[in-house]
């Protein structure tokens, strides 16, 4: 098995760091989506309890919260899926070098 050069190791390290940055950005989006989701639910429940919001508006708030939750989760799932494929390809490369 041939040893990697310093340049190849540096490229791999930078790719890993870039992957971490992208994952952290996606995690921030998921966290904001969760905050918005629970915010919509709390506003809807409190508003419905004190008769500020009728049942139709409560349904709209809940559906909007669910849509926000799904939309904010998609980037994270896509990034994790791409990283998984990248790691599997690197593992396959290393296995084929033996």
C-alpha atoms as a PDB file:
ATOM      1  CA  UNK A   1       0.000   0.000   0.000  1.00  0.00           C
ATOM      2  CA  UNK A   2       1.447   3.338  -1.064  1.00  0.00           C
ATOM      3  CA  UNK A   3       1.681   6.058   1.541  1.00  0.00           C
ATOM      4  CA  UNK A   4      -0.210   9.245   0.928  1.00  0.00           C
ATOM      5  CA  UNK A   5       1.750  12.368   0.236  1.00  0.00           C
ATOM      6  CA  UNK A   6       1.480  15.398   2.478  1.00  0.00           C
ATOM      7  CA  UNK A   7      -0.547  17.166  -0.173  1.00  0.00           C
ATOM      8  CA  UNK A   8      -3.115  14.339  -0.365  1.00  0.00           C
ATOM      9  CA  UNK A   9      -3.400  14.250   3.438  1.00  0.00           C
ATOM     10  CA  UNK A  10      -3.928  18.008   3.520  1.00  0.00           C
ATOM     11  CA  UNK A  11      -6.626  17.752   0.842  1.00  0.00           C
ATOM     12  CA  UNK A  12      -8.392  15.024   2.818  1.00  0.00           C
ATOM     13  CA  UNK A  13      -8.170  17.105   5.999  1.00  0.00           C
ATOM     14  CA  UNK A  14      -9.621  20.155   4.248  1.00  0.00           C
ATOM     15  CA  UNK A  15     -12.442  18.074   2.759  1.00  0.00           C
ATOM     16  CA  UNK A  16     -13.287  16.789   6.235  1.00  0.00           C
ATOM     17  CA  UNK A  17     -13.277  20.326   7.647  1.00  0.00           C
ATOM     18  CA  UNK A  18     -15.491  21.552   4.807  1.00  0.00           C
ATOM     19  CA  UNK A  19     -17.847  18.672   5.537  1.00  0.00           C
ATOM     20  CA  UNK A  20     -17.979  19.640   9.225  1.00  0.00           C
ATOM     21  CA  UNK A  21     -18.747  23.247   8.354  1.00  0.00           C
ATOM     22  CA  UNK A  22     -21.577  22.225   6.022  1.00  0.00           C
ATOM     23  CA  UNK A  23     -22.978  19.874   8.667  1.00  0.00           C
ATOM     24  CA  UNK A  24     -22.861  22.635  11.281  1.00  0.00           C
ATOM     25  CA  UNK A  25     -24.696  25.039   8.950  1.00  0.00           C
ATOM     26  CA  UNK A  26     -27.368  22.421   8.327  1.00  0.00           C
ATOM     27  CA  UNK A  27     -27.651  21.762  12.069  1.00  0.00           C
ATOM     28  CA  UNK A  28     -28.267  25.484  12.663  1.00  0.00           C
ATOM     29  CA  UNK A  29     -31.062  25.403  10.088  1.00  0.00           C
ATOM     30  CA  UNK A  30     -32.605  22.377  11.815  1.00  0.00           C
ATOM     31  CA  UNK A  31     -32.401  24.104  15.201  1.00  0.00           C
ATOM     32  CA  UNK A  32     -34.071  27.250  13.875  1.00  0.00           C
ATOM     33  CA  UNK A  33     -36.743  25.099  12.255  1.00  0.00           C
ATOM     34  CA  UNK A  34     -37.414  23.378  15.575  1.00  0.00           C
ATOM     35  CA  UNK A  35     -37.678  26.720  17.339  1.00  0.00           C
ATOM     36  CA  UNK A  36     -40.138  27.975  14.736  1.00  0.00           C
ATOM     37  CA  UNK A  37     -42.118  24.725  14.897  1.00  0.00           C
ATOM     38  CA  UNK A  38     -42.523  24.871  18.653  1.00  0.00           C
ATOM     39  CA  UNK A  39     -43.212  28.603  18.443  1.00  0.00           C
ATOM     40  CA  UNK A  40     -46.063  27.990  16.024  1.00  0.00           C
ATOM     41  CA  UNK A  41     -47.435  25.240  18.258  1.00  0.00           C
ATOM     42  CA  UNK A  42     -47.236  27.349  21.418  1.00  0.00           C
ATOM     43  CA  UNK A  43     -48.856  30.356  19.755  1.00  0.00           C
ATOM     44  CA  UNK A  44     -51.569  28.136  18.311  1.00  0.00           C
ATOM     45  CA  UNK A  45     -52.335  26.348  21.572  1.00  0.00           C
ATOM     46  CA  UNK A  46     -52.297  29.476  23.727  1.00  0.00           C
ATOM     47  CA  UNK A  47     -54.292  31.412  21.150  1.00  0.00           C
ATOM     48  CA  UNK A  48     -56.854  28.637  20.861  1.00  0.00           C
ATOM     49  CA  UNK A  49     -57.112  28.252  24.637  1.00  0.00           C
ATOM     50  CA  UNK A  50     -57.835  31.945  25.175  1.00  0.00           C
ATOM     51  CA  UNK A  51     -60.071  32.258  22.077  1.00  0.00           C
ATOM     52  CA  UNK A  52     -57.681  34.465  20.097  1.00  0.00           C
ATOM     53  CA  UNK A  53     -57.407  31.828  17.378  1.00  0.00           C
ATOM     54  CA  UNK A  54     -60.222  29.743  15.929  1.00  0.00           C
ATOM     55  CA  UNK A  55     -59.866  26.076  14.959  1.00  0.00           C
ATOM     56  CA  UNK A  56     -59.132  26.851  11.294  1.00  0.00           C
ATOM     57  CA  UNK A  57     -56.272  29.165  12.214  1.00  0.00           C
ATOM     58  CA  UNK A  58     -54.965  26.567  14.686  1.00  0.00           C
ATOM     59  CA  UNK A  59     -54.922  23.976  11.895  1.00  0.00           C
ATOM     60  CA  UNK A  60     -53.081  26.411   9.614  1.00  0.00           C
ATOM     61  CA  UNK A  61     -50.494  27.120  12.327  1.00  0.00           C
ATOM     62  CA  UNK A  62     -49.916  23.417  12.969  1.00  0.00           C
ATOM     63  CA  UNK A  63     -49.594  22.636   9.250  1.00  0.00           C
ATOM     64  CA  UNK A  64     -47.217  25.571   8.735  1.00  0.00           C
ATOM     65  CA  UNK A  65     -45.140  24.351  11.679  1.00  0.00           C
ATOM     66  CA  UNK A  66     -44.910  20.861  10.202  1.00  0.00           C
ATOM     67  CA  UNK A  67     -43.941  22.258   6.783  1.00  0.00           C
ATOM     68  CA  UNK A  68     -41.217  24.385   8.397  1.00  0.00           C
ATOM     69  CA  UNK A  69     -39.954  21.343  10.293  1.00  0.00           C
ATOM     70  CA  UNK A  70     -39.760  19.226   7.132  1.00  0.00           C
ATOM     71  CA  UNK A  71     -38.139  21.971   5.056  1.00  0.00           C
ATOM     72  CA  UNK A  72     -35.544  22.691   7.730  1.00  0.00           C
ATOM     73  CA  UNK A  73     -34.676  19.002   8.107  1.00  0.00           C
ATOM     74  CA  UNK A  74     -34.088  18.332   4.407  1.00  0.00           C
ATOM     75  CA  UNK A  75     -30.700  20.121   4.091  1.00  0.00           C
ATOM     76  CA  UNK A  76     -29.324  18.179   7.052  1.00  0.00           C
ATOM     77  CA  UNK A  77     -30.492  14.864   5.636  1.00  0.00           C
ATOM     78  CA  UNK A  78     -29.027  15.655   2.224  1.00  0.00           C
ATOM     79  CA  UNK A  79     -25.658  16.673   3.664  1.00  0.00           C
ATOM     80  CA  UNK A  80     -25.444  13.610   5.896  1.00  0.00           C
ATOM     81  CA  UNK A  81     -26.368  11.365   2.969  1.00  0.00           C
ATOM     82  CA  UNK A  82     -23.679  12.929   0.760  1.00  0.00           C
ATOM     83  CA  UNK A  83     -21.076  12.593   3.508  1.00  0.00           C
ATOM     84  CA  UNK A  84     -22.013   8.957   3.974  1.00  0.00           C
ATOM     85  CA  UNK A  85     -21.524   8.293   0.267  1.00  0.00           C
ATOM     86  CA  UNK A  86     -18.172  10.152   0.311  1.00  0.00           C
ATOM     87  CA  UNK A  87     -16.924   8.165   3.322  1.00  0.00           C
ATOM     88  CA  UNK A  88     -18.031   4.888   1.746  1.00  0.00           C
ATOM     89  CA  UNK A  89     -16.181   5.752  -1.462  1.00  0.00           C
ATOM     90  CA  UNK A  90     -13.016   6.602   0.509  1.00  0.00           C
ATOM     91  CA  UNK A  91     -13.265   3.312   2.410  1.00  0.00           C
ATOM     92  CA  UNK A  92     -13.712   1.447  -0.876  1.00  0.00           C
ATOM     93  CA  UNK A  93     -10.650   3.220  -2.319  1.00  0.00           C
ATOM     94  CA  UNK A  94      -8.557   2.222   0.686  1.00  0.00           C
ATOM     95  CA  UNK A  95      -9.752  -1.374   0.492  1.00  0.00           C
ATOM     96  CA  UNK A  96      -8.918  -1.539  -3.217  1.00  0.00           C
ATOM     97  CA  UNK A  97      -5.377  -0.228  -2.604  1.00  0.00           C
ATOM     98  CA  UNK A  98      -4.466  -3.280  -0.497  1.00  0.00           C
END
